[in-house]
PDB file of N, CA and C in Angstrom:
ATOM      1  N   UNK A   1      86.631   7.800   5.476  1.00  0.00           N
ATOM      2  CA  UNK A   1      87.540   6.354   5.140  1.00  0.00           C
ATOM      3  C   UNK A   1      89.146   6.687   5.428  1.00  0.00           C
ATOM      4  N   UNK A   2      89.365   7.850   5.024  1.00  0.00           N
ATOM      5  CA  UNK A   2      90.863   8.134   5.226  1.00  0.00           C
ATOM      6  C   UNK A   2      91.371   8.073   6.712  1.00  0.00           C
ATOM      7  N   UNK A   3      90.610   8.356   7.510  1.00  0.00           N
ATOM      8  CA  UNK A   3      90.796   8.471   8.934  1.00  0.00           C
ATOM      9  C   UNK A   3      90.637   7.088   9.318  1.00  0.00           C
ATOM     10  N   UNK A   4      90.193   6.176   9.118  1.00  0.00           N
ATOM     11  CA  UNK A   4      90.022   4.783   9.385  1.00  0.00           C
ATOM     12  C   UNK A   4      91.407   4.129   9.016  1.00  0.00           C
ATOM     13  N   UNK A   5      91.832   4.392   7.687  1.00  0.00           N
ATOM     14  CA  UNK A   5      92.700   3.861   7.209  1.00  0.00           C
ATOM     15  C   UNK A   5      94.211   4.347   8.004  1.00  0.00           C
ATOM     16  N   UNK A   6      94.126   5.433   8.449  1.00  0.00           N
ATOM     17  CA  UNK A   6      95.232   6.090   9.183  1.00  0.00           C
ATOM     18  C   UNK A   6      95.199   5.530  10.647  1.00  0.00           C
ATOM     19  N   UNK A   7      93.991   5.253  11.303  1.00  0.00           N
ATOM     20  CA  UNK A   7      94.011   4.534  12.590  1.00  0.00           C
ATOM     21  C   UNK A   7      94.432   3.440  12.349  1.00  0.00           C
ATOM     22  N   UNK A   8      93.814   2.448  11.753  1.00  0.00           N
ATOM     23  CA  UNK A   8      94.267   0.866  10.950  1.00  0.00           C
ATOM     24  C   UNK A   8      95.894   0.912  10.958  1.00  0.00           C
ATOM     25  N   UNK A   9      96.741   1.885  10.409  1.00  0.00           N
ATOM     26  CA  UNK A   9      97.853   2.024   9.982  1.00  0.00           C
ATOM     27  C   UNK A   9      98.903   2.228  11.503  1.00  0.00           C
ATOM     28  N   UNK A  10      98.261   2.966  12.140  1.00  0.00           N
ATOM     29  CA  UNK A  10      98.855   3.642  13.519  1.00  0.00           C
ATOM     30  C   UNK A  10      98.667   2.161  14.380  1.00  0.00           C
ATOM     31  N   UNK A  11      97.586   1.450  14.518  1.00  0.00           N
ATOM     32  CA  UNK A  11      97.622   0.397  15.187  1.00  0.00           C
ATOM     33  C   UNK A  11      98.436  -0.533  14.594  1.00  0.00           C
ATOM     34  N   UNK A  12      98.797  -0.837  13.521  1.00  0.00           N
ATOM     35  CA  UNK A  12      99.604  -2.169  13.039  1.00  0.00           C
ATOM     36  C   UNK A  12     100.844  -1.689  13.565  1.00  0.00           C
ATOM     37  N   UNK A  13     101.292  -0.198  13.211  1.00  0.00           N
ATOM     38  CA  UNK A  13     102.759   0.081  13.734  1.00  0.00           C
ATOM     39  C   UNK A  13     102.750  -0.180  14.738  1.00  0.00           C
ATOM     40  N   UNK A  14     102.063   0.237  15.853  1.00  0.00           N
ATOM     41  CA  UNK A  14     102.399   0.120  17.380  1.00  0.00           C
ATOM     42  C   UNK A  14     102.030  -1.177  17.775  1.00  0.00           C
ATOM     43  N   UNK A  15     101.561  -2.176  16.880  1.00  0.00           N
ATOM     44  CA  UNK A  15     101.495  -3.695  17.284  1.00  0.00           C
ATOM     45  C   UNK A  15     103.033  -4.453  16.961  1.00  0.00           C
ATOM     46  N   UNK A  16     103.395  -3.810  15.663  1.00  0.00           N
ATOM     47  CA  UNK A  16     104.542  -4.426  15.425  1.00  0.00           C
ATOM     48  C   UNK A  16     105.776  -4.208  16.014  1.00  0.00           C
ATOM     49  N   UNK A  17     105.845  -2.551  16.701  1.00  0.00           N
ATOM     50  CA  UNK A  17     106.975  -1.881  17.610  1.00  0.00           C
ATOM     51  C   UNK A  17     106.655  -2.735  18.878  1.00  0.00           C
ATOM     52  N   UNK A  18     105.505  -3.093  19.357  1.00  0.00           N
ATOM     53  CA  UNK A  18     105.200  -3.502  20.630  1.00  0.00           C
ATOM     54  C   UNK A  18     105.819  -5.010  20.719  1.00  0.00           C
ATOM     55  N   UNK A  19     106.139  -5.852  19.616  1.00  0.00           N
ATOM     56  CA  UNK A  19     106.363  -7.302  19.605  1.00  0.00           C
ATOM     57  C   UNK A  19     107.926  -7.370  19.540  1.00  0.00           C
ATOM     58  N   UNK A  20     108.691  -6.324  19.612  1.00  0.00           N
ATOM     59  CA  UNK A  20     110.123  -5.958  19.857  1.00  0.00           C
ATOM     60  C   UNK A  20     110.357  -6.381  21.156  1.00  0.00           C
ATOM     61  N   UNK A  21     110.002  -5.918  22.026  1.00  0.00           N
ATOM     62  CA  UNK A  21     110.150  -5.806  23.281  1.00  0.00           C
ATOM     63  C   UNK A  21     109.508  -7.081  24.420  1.00  0.00           C
ATOM     64  N   UNK A  22     108.985  -8.453  23.502  1.00  0.00           N
ATOM     65  CA  UNK A  22     108.879  -9.444  24.279  1.00  0.00           C
ATOM     66  C   UNK A  22     110.015 -10.132  25.154  1.00  0.00           C
ATOM     67  N   UNK A  23     109.792 -10.644  26.373  1.00  0.00           N
ATOM     68  CA  UNK A  23     110.761 -10.794  27.188  1.00  0.00           C
ATOM     69  C   UNK A  23     110.655 -12.503  26.736  1.00  0.00           C
ATOM     70  N   UNK A  24     111.714 -13.187  26.986  1.00  0.00           N
ATOM     71  CA  UNK A  24     111.848 -14.622  26.658  1.00  0.00           C
ATOM     72  C   UNK A  24     110.936 -15.385  27.092  1.00  0.00           C
ATOM     73  N   UNK A  25     110.145 -16.421  26.855  1.00  0.00           N
ATOM     74  CA  UNK A  25     109.174 -17.025  27.395  1.00  0.00           C
ATOM     75  C   UNK A  25     109.904 -17.886  28.122  1.00  0.00           C
ATOM     76  N   UNK A  26     110.789 -18.678  27.974  1.00  0.00           N
ATOM     77  CA  UNK A  26     111.584 -19.619  28.939  1.00  0.00           C
ATOM     78  C   UNK A  26     112.192 -19.213  29.824  1.00  0.00           C
ATOM     79  N   UNK A  27     112.072 -19.487  31.256  1.00  0.00           N
ATOM     80  CA  UNK A  27     112.696 -18.636  32.581  1.00  0.00           C
ATOM     81  C   UNK A  27     113.969 -19.404  32.589  1.00  0.00           C
ATOM     82  N   UNK A  28     114.992 -18.898  32.920  1.00  0.00           N
ATOM     83  CA  UNK A  28     116.395 -19.847  33.141  1.00  0.00           C
ATOM     84  C   UNK A  28     115.981 -20.732  33.790  1.00  0.00           C
ATOM     85  N   UNK A  29     115.376 -21.096  35.008  1.00  0.00           N
ATOM     86  CA  UNK A  29     115.403 -22.398  35.770  1.00  0.00           C
ATOM     87  C   UNK A  29     114.390 -23.504  35.131  1.00  0.00           C
ATOM     88  N   UNK A  30     113.527 -23.177  33.684  1.00  0.00           N
ATOM     89  CA  UNK A  30     112.861 -23.969  33.055  1.00  0.00           C
ATOM     90  C   UNK A  30     113.672 -24.068  32.160  1.00  0.00           C
ATOM     91  N   UNK A  31     114.928 -23.912  31.690  1.00  0.00           N
ATOM     92  CA  UNK A  31     115.814 -24.261  30.671  1.00  0.00           C
ATOM     93  C   UNK A  31     116.128 -25.448  30.765  1.00  0.00           C
ATOM     94  N   UNK A  32     116.265 -26.138  32.060  1.00  0.00           N
ATOM     95  CA  UNK A  32     116.873 -27.456  32.366  1.00  0.00           C
ATOM     96  C   UNK A  32     115.850 -28.516  31.728  1.00  0.00           C
ATOM     97  N   UNK A  33     114.551 -28.140  31.496  1.00  0.00           N
ATOM     98  CA  UNK A  33     113.750 -29.302  31.234  1.00  0.00           C
ATOM     99  C   UNK A  33     113.968 -29.429  29.693  1.00  0.00           C
ATOM    100  N   UNK A  34     114.309 -28.385  28.893  1.00  0.00           N
ATOM    101  CA  UNK A  34     114.499 -28.278  27.476  1.00  0.00           C
ATOM    102  C   UNK A  34     115.585 -29.055  27.058  1.00  0.00           C
ATOM    103  N   UNK A  35     117.028 -28.934  28.110  1.00  0.00           N
ATOM    104  CA  UNK A  35     118.134 -29.681  27.811  1.00  0.00           C
ATOM    105  C   UNK A  35     118.015 -31.199  27.914  1.00  0.00           C
ATOM    106  N   UNK A  36     116.760 -31.706  28.385  1.00  0.00           N
ATOM    107  CA  UNK A  36     116.713 -33.151  28.511  1.00  0.00           C
ATOM    108  C   UNK A  36     116.896 -33.728  27.582  1.00  0.00           C
ATOM    109  N   UNK A  37     117.436 -35.015  27.549  1.00  0.00           N
ATOM    110  CA  UNK A  37     117.885 -35.963  26.292  1.00  0.00           C
ATOM    111  C   UNK A  37     116.318 -36.287  25.196  1.00  0.00           C
ATOM    112  N   UNK A  38     115.460 -36.398  26.218  1.00  0.00           N
ATOM    113  CA  UNK A  38     113.962 -36.833  25.739  1.00  0.00           C
ATOM    114  C   UNK A  38     113.351 -35.553  24.612  1.00  0.00           C
ATOM    115  N   UNK A  39     114.108 -34.283  24.895  1.00  0.00           N
ATOM    116  CA  UNK A  39     113.718 -33.362  23.911  1.00  0.00           C
ATOM    117  C   UNK A  39     114.463 -33.457  22.682  1.00  0.00           C
ATOM    118  N   UNK A  40     115.464 -34.284  22.362  1.00  0.00           N
ATOM    119  CA  UNK A  40     116.312 -34.439  21.132  1.00  0.00           C
ATOM    120  C   UNK A  40     115.837 -35.004  20.220  1.00  0.00           C
ATOM    121  N   UNK A  41     116.018 -34.454  18.866  1.00  0.00           N
ATOM    122  CA  UNK A  41     115.299 -35.350  17.656  1.00  0.00           C
ATOM    123  C   UNK A  41     115.870 -36.563  17.258  1.00  0.00           C
ATOM    124  N   UNK A  42     116.910 -36.562  17.513  1.00  0.00           N
ATOM    125  CA  UNK A  42     117.586 -37.936  17.238  1.00  0.00           C
ATOM    126  C   UNK A  42     117.811 -38.850  18.466  1.00  0.00           C
ATOM    127  N   UNK A  43     117.564 -40.098  17.738  1.00  0.00           N
ATOM    128  CA  UNK A  43     117.537 -41.432  19.126  1.00  0.00           C
ATOM    129  C   UNK A  43     118.737 -41.444  20.020  1.00  0.00           C
ATOM    130  N   UNK A  44     120.036 -41.080  19.130  1.00  0.00           N
ATOM    131  CA  UNK A  44     121.259 -41.247  19.793  1.00  0.00           C
ATOM    132  C   UNK A  44     122.036 -39.929  19.241  1.00  0.00           C
ATOM    133  N   UNK A  45     121.945 -38.997  20.171  1.00  0.00           N
ATOM    134  CA  UNK A  45     122.870 -37.763  19.810  1.00  0.00           C
ATOM    135  C   UNK A  45     124.167 -37.612  19.599  1.00  0.00           C
ATOM    136  N   UNK A  46     124.587 -38.904  20.353  1.00  0.00           N
ATOM    137  CA  UNK A  46     126.171 -39.047  20.145  1.00  0.00           C
ATOM    138  C   UNK A  46     126.814 -39.428  18.852  1.00  0.00           C
ATOM    139  N   UNK A  47     125.817 -40.412  18.322  1.00  0.00           N
ATOM    140  CA  UNK A  47     126.360 -40.910  16.859  1.00  0.00           C
ATOM    141  C   UNK A  47     125.758 -39.874  15.965  1.00  0.00           C
ATOM    142  N   UNK A  48     124.653 -39.006  15.938  1.00  0.00           N
ATOM    143  CA  UNK A  48     124.393 -38.069  14.970  1.00  0.00           C
ATOM    144  C   UNK A  48     125.453 -37.007  15.159  1.00  0.00           C
ATOM    145  N   UNK A  49     125.995 -36.623  16.243  1.00  0.00           N
ATOM    146  CA  UNK A  49     127.000 -35.511  16.448  1.00  0.00           C
ATOM    147  C   UNK A  49     128.368 -35.945  15.745  1.00  0.00           C
ATOM    148  N   UNK A  50     128.627 -37.351  15.838  1.00  0.00           N
ATOM    149  CA  UNK A  50     129.874 -37.994  15.317  1.00  0.00           C
ATOM    150  C   UNK A  50     129.665 -37.875  13.612  1.00  0.00           C
ATOM    151  N   UNK A  51     128.258 -38.153  12.924  1.00  0.00           N
ATOM    152  CA  UNK A  51     128.104 -38.459  11.857  1.00  0.00           C
ATOM    153  C   UNK A  51     128.128 -36.707  11.259  1.00  0.00           C
ATOM    154  N   UNK A  52     127.467 -35.642  12.054  1.00  0.00           N
ATOM    155  CA  UNK A  52     127.765 -34.474  11.657  1.00  0.00           C
ATOM    156  C   UNK A  52     129.030 -34.364  11.532  1.00  0.00           C
ATOM    157  N   UNK A  53     130.016 -34.279  12.349  1.00  0.00           N
ATOM    158  CA  UNK A  53     131.478 -34.019  12.266  1.00  0.00           C
ATOM    159  C   UNK A  53     132.250 -34.671  11.211  1.00  0.00           C
ATOM    160  N   UNK A  54     131.722 -35.803  10.939  1.00  0.00           N
ATOM    161  CA  UNK A  54     132.357 -36.647   9.557  1.00  0.00           C
ATOM    162  C   UNK A  54     131.993 -35.874   8.402  1.00  0.00           C
ATOM    163  N   UNK A  55     130.931 -35.748   8.361  1.00  0.00           N
ATOM    164  CA  UNK A  55     130.156 -34.958   7.233  1.00  0.00           C
ATOM    165  C   UNK A  55     131.081 -33.581   6.808  1.00  0.00           C
ATOM    166  N   UNK A  56     131.019 -32.845   8.094  1.00  0.00           N
ATOM    167  CA  UNK A  56     131.698 -31.165   7.926  1.00  0.00           C
ATOM    168  C   UNK A  56     133.365 -31.537   7.315  1.00  0.00           C
ATOM    169  N   UNK A  57     133.975 -32.534   8.069  1.00  0.00           N
ATOM    170  CA  UNK A  57     135.803 -32.582   7.681  1.00  0.00           C
ATOM    171  C   UNK A  57     135.389 -33.038   6.571  1.00  0.00           C
ATOM    172  N   UNK A  58     134.819 -33.982   5.859  1.00  0.00           N
ATOM    173  CA  UNK A  58     134.799 -34.491   4.661  1.00  0.00           C
ATOM    174  C   UNK A  58     134.421 -33.582   3.415  1.00  0.00           C
ATOM    175  N   UNK A  59     133.411 -33.065   3.689  1.00  0.00           N
ATOM    176  CA  UNK A  59     132.887 -32.248   2.667  1.00  0.00           C
ATOM    177  C   UNK A  59     133.205 -30.908   2.633  1.00  0.00           C
ATOM    178  N   UNK A  60     134.133 -30.562   3.688  1.00  0.00           N
ATOM    179  CA  UNK A  60     134.473 -29.003   3.788  1.00  0.00           C
ATOM    180  C   UNK A  60     133.330 -28.369   4.126  1.00  0.00           C
ATOM    181  N   UNK A  61     132.083 -28.727   4.583  1.00  0.00           N
ATOM    182  CA  UNK A  61     130.699 -27.823   4.887  1.00  0.00           C
ATOM    183  C   UNK A  61     130.777 -27.429   6.073  1.00  0.00           C
ATOM    184  N   UNK A  62     131.901 -26.718   6.694  1.00  0.00           N
ATOM    185  CA  UNK A  62     131.758 -26.056   8.115  1.00  0.00           C
ATOM    186  C   UNK A  62     130.767 -25.396   8.106  1.00  0.00           C
ATOM    187  N   UNK A  63     129.689 -25.339   8.656  1.00  0.00           N
ATOM    188  CA  UNK A  63     128.451 -24.547   9.067  1.00  0.00           C
ATOM    189  C   UNK A  63     128.211 -23.824  10.477  1.00  0.00           C
ATOM    190  N   UNK A  64     127.189 -23.913  10.737  1.00  0.00           N
ATOM    191  CA  UNK A  64     126.935 -23.049  12.118  1.00  0.00           C
ATOM    192  C   UNK A  64     126.407 -24.485  12.745  1.00  0.00           C
ATOM    193  N   UNK A  65     126.648 -25.237  12.727  1.00  0.00           N
ATOM    194  CA  UNK A  65     126.265 -26.337  13.847  1.00  0.00           C
ATOM    195  C   UNK A  65     127.391 -26.635  15.078  1.00  0.00           C
ATOM    196  N   UNK A  66     127.039 -27.182  15.989  1.00  0.00           N
ATOM    197  CA  UNK A  66     127.492 -27.114  17.401  1.00  0.00           C
ATOM    198  C   UNK A  66     128.783 -28.160  17.250  1.00  0.00           C
ATOM    199  N   UNK A  67     128.952 -29.088  16.002  1.00  0.00           N
ATOM    200  CA  UNK A  67     129.871 -29.912  16.331  1.00  0.00           C
ATOM    201  C   UNK A  67     131.682 -28.987  16.494  1.00  0.00           C
ATOM    202  N   UNK A  68     132.281 -29.545  16.880  1.00  0.00           N
ATOM    203  CA  UNK A  68     133.660 -28.760  17.312  1.00  0.00           C
ATOM    204  C   UNK A  68     134.726 -30.107  16.920  1.00  0.00           C
ATOM    205  N   UNK A  69     135.993 -29.356  16.633  1.00  0.00           N
ATOM    206  CA  UNK A  69     137.140 -30.386  16.127  1.00  0.00           C
ATOM    207  C   UNK A  69     137.364 -30.402  14.790  1.00  0.00           C
ATOM    208  N   UNK A  70     138.564 -31.092  14.244  1.00  0.00           N
ATOM    209  CA  UNK A  70     138.982 -31.236  12.590  1.00  0.00           C
ATOM    210  C   UNK A  70     139.376 -32.060  12.453  1.00  0.00           C
ATOM    211  N   UNK A  71     140.078 -32.289  11.590  1.00  0.00           N
ATOM    212  CA  UNK A  71     140.708 -33.513  10.831  1.00  0.00           C
ATOM    213  C   UNK A  71     139.812 -34.237  10.009  1.00  0.00           C
ATOM    214  N   UNK A  72     140.106 -35.431   9.620  1.00  0.00           N
ATOM    215  CA  UNK A  72     139.345 -35.900   8.490  1.00  0.00           C
ATOM    216  C   UNK A  72     138.254 -36.817   9.018  1.00  0.00           C
ATOM    217  N   UNK A  73     137.950 -36.767  10.246  1.00  0.00           N
ATOM    218  CA  UNK A  73     137.093 -37.782  10.611  1.00  0.00           C
ATOM    219  C   UNK A  73     137.120 -39.209  10.865  1.00  0.00           C
ATOM    220  N   UNK A  74     138.365 -39.898  10.533  1.00  0.00           N
ATOM    221  CA  UNK A  74     138.723 -41.268  10.835  1.00  0.00           C
ATOM    222  C   UNK A  74     138.661 -42.049  12.318  1.00  0.00           C
ATOM    223  N   UNK A  75     139.061 -41.081  13.082  1.00  0.00           N
ATOM    224  CA  UNK A  75     139.039 -41.901  14.374  1.00  0.00           C
ATOM    225  C   UNK A  75     137.694 -42.314  14.715  1.00  0.00           C
TER     226      UNK A  75
END
Protein backbone atom coordinates (compact mmCIF):
# COMPACT_ATOMS: atom_id res chain seq x y z
CA UNK A 1 0.00 0.00 0.00
CA UNK A 2 2.80 2.43 0.83
CA UNK A 3 4.56 1.62 -2.42
CA UNK A 4 1.45 2.55 -4.42
CA UNK A 5 1.17 5.86 -2.57
CA UNK A 6 4.83 6.63 -3.22
CA UNK A 7 4.53 5.83 -6.93
CA UNK A 8 1.37 7.91 -7.27
CA UNK A 9 3.01 10.81 -5.40
CA UNK A 10 6.06 10.66 -7.67
CA UNK A 11 3.82 10.51 -10.74
CA UNK A 12 1.85 13.54 -9.53
CA UNK A 13 5.07 15.48 -8.84
CA UNK A 14 6.39 14.60 -12.29
CA UNK A 15 3.11 15.68 -13.86
CA UNK A 16 3.14 19.02 -12.04
CA UNK A 17 6.77 19.72 -12.92
CA UNK A 18 6.27 18.84 -16.57
CA UNK A 19 3.48 21.39 -16.90
CA UNK A 20 5.95 24.21 -16.18
CA UNK A 21 7.73 23.69 -19.50
CA UNK A 22 4.76 24.08 -21.83
CA UNK A 23 5.43 26.28 -24.82
CA UNK A 24 2.82 28.90 -25.77
CA UNK A 25 -0.11 27.47 -27.67
CA UNK A 26 -0.45 30.48 -29.96
CA UNK A 27 2.27 30.84 -32.53
CA UNK A 28 3.56 34.36 -33.31
CA UNK A 29 2.11 34.28 -36.82
CA UNK A 30 -1.31 33.27 -35.42
CA UNK A 31 -1.56 36.22 -33.01
CA UNK A 32 -2.83 38.54 -35.72
CA UNK A 33 -6.07 36.55 -35.74
CA UNK A 34 -6.53 37.19 -32.03
CA UNK A 35 -5.96 40.94 -32.47
CA UNK A 36 -8.88 41.13 -34.89
CA UNK A 37 -11.59 43.56 -33.67
CA UNK A 38 -14.16 40.77 -33.93
CA UNK A 39 -12.41 39.09 -30.97
CA UNK A 40 -13.09 42.10 -28.69
CA UNK A 41 -15.54 41.75 -25.81
CA UNK A 42 -17.07 45.18 -26.35
CA UNK A 43 -18.93 46.35 -29.42
CA UNK A 44 -17.17 49.72 -29.47
CA UNK A 45 -13.58 49.41 -28.19
CA UNK A 46 -12.83 53.14 -28.59
CA UNK A 47 -15.80 54.12 -26.44
CA UNK A 48 -15.00 51.53 -23.78
CA UNK A 49 -11.34 52.65 -23.64
CA UNK A 50 -12.50 56.25 -23.17
CA UNK A 51 -14.97 55.25 -20.45
CA UNK A 52 -12.27 53.24 -18.67
CA UNK A 53 -9.92 56.23 -18.86
CA UNK A 54 -12.55 58.57 -17.40
CA UNK A 55 -13.30 56.12 -14.61
CA UNK A 56 -9.63 55.77 -13.70
CA UNK A 57 -9.03 59.53 -13.80
CA UNK A 58 -12.07 60.46 -11.70
CA UNK A 59 -11.96 57.67 -9.16
CA UNK A 60 -8.20 57.59 -8.79
CA UNK A 61 -8.38 53.88 -9.47
CA UNK A 62 -5.33 53.53 -11.65
CA UNK A 63 -5.15 49.80 -12.30
CA UNK A 64 -3.27 47.48 -14.57
CA UNK A 65 -5.51 48.22 -17.53
CA UNK A 66 -4.19 49.30 -20.91
CA UNK A 67 -5.51 52.85 -20.86
CA UNK A 68 -2.98 55.66 -20.97
CA UNK A 69 -2.86 59.35 -20.27
CA UNK A 70 -3.95 61.52 -17.40
CA UNK A 71 -6.07 64.46 -16.45
CA UNK A 72 -9.69 64.69 -15.48
CA UNK A 73 -11.12 62.98 -18.57
CA UNK A 74 -13.16 66.03 -19.58
CA UNK A 75 -11.96 66.29 -23.17
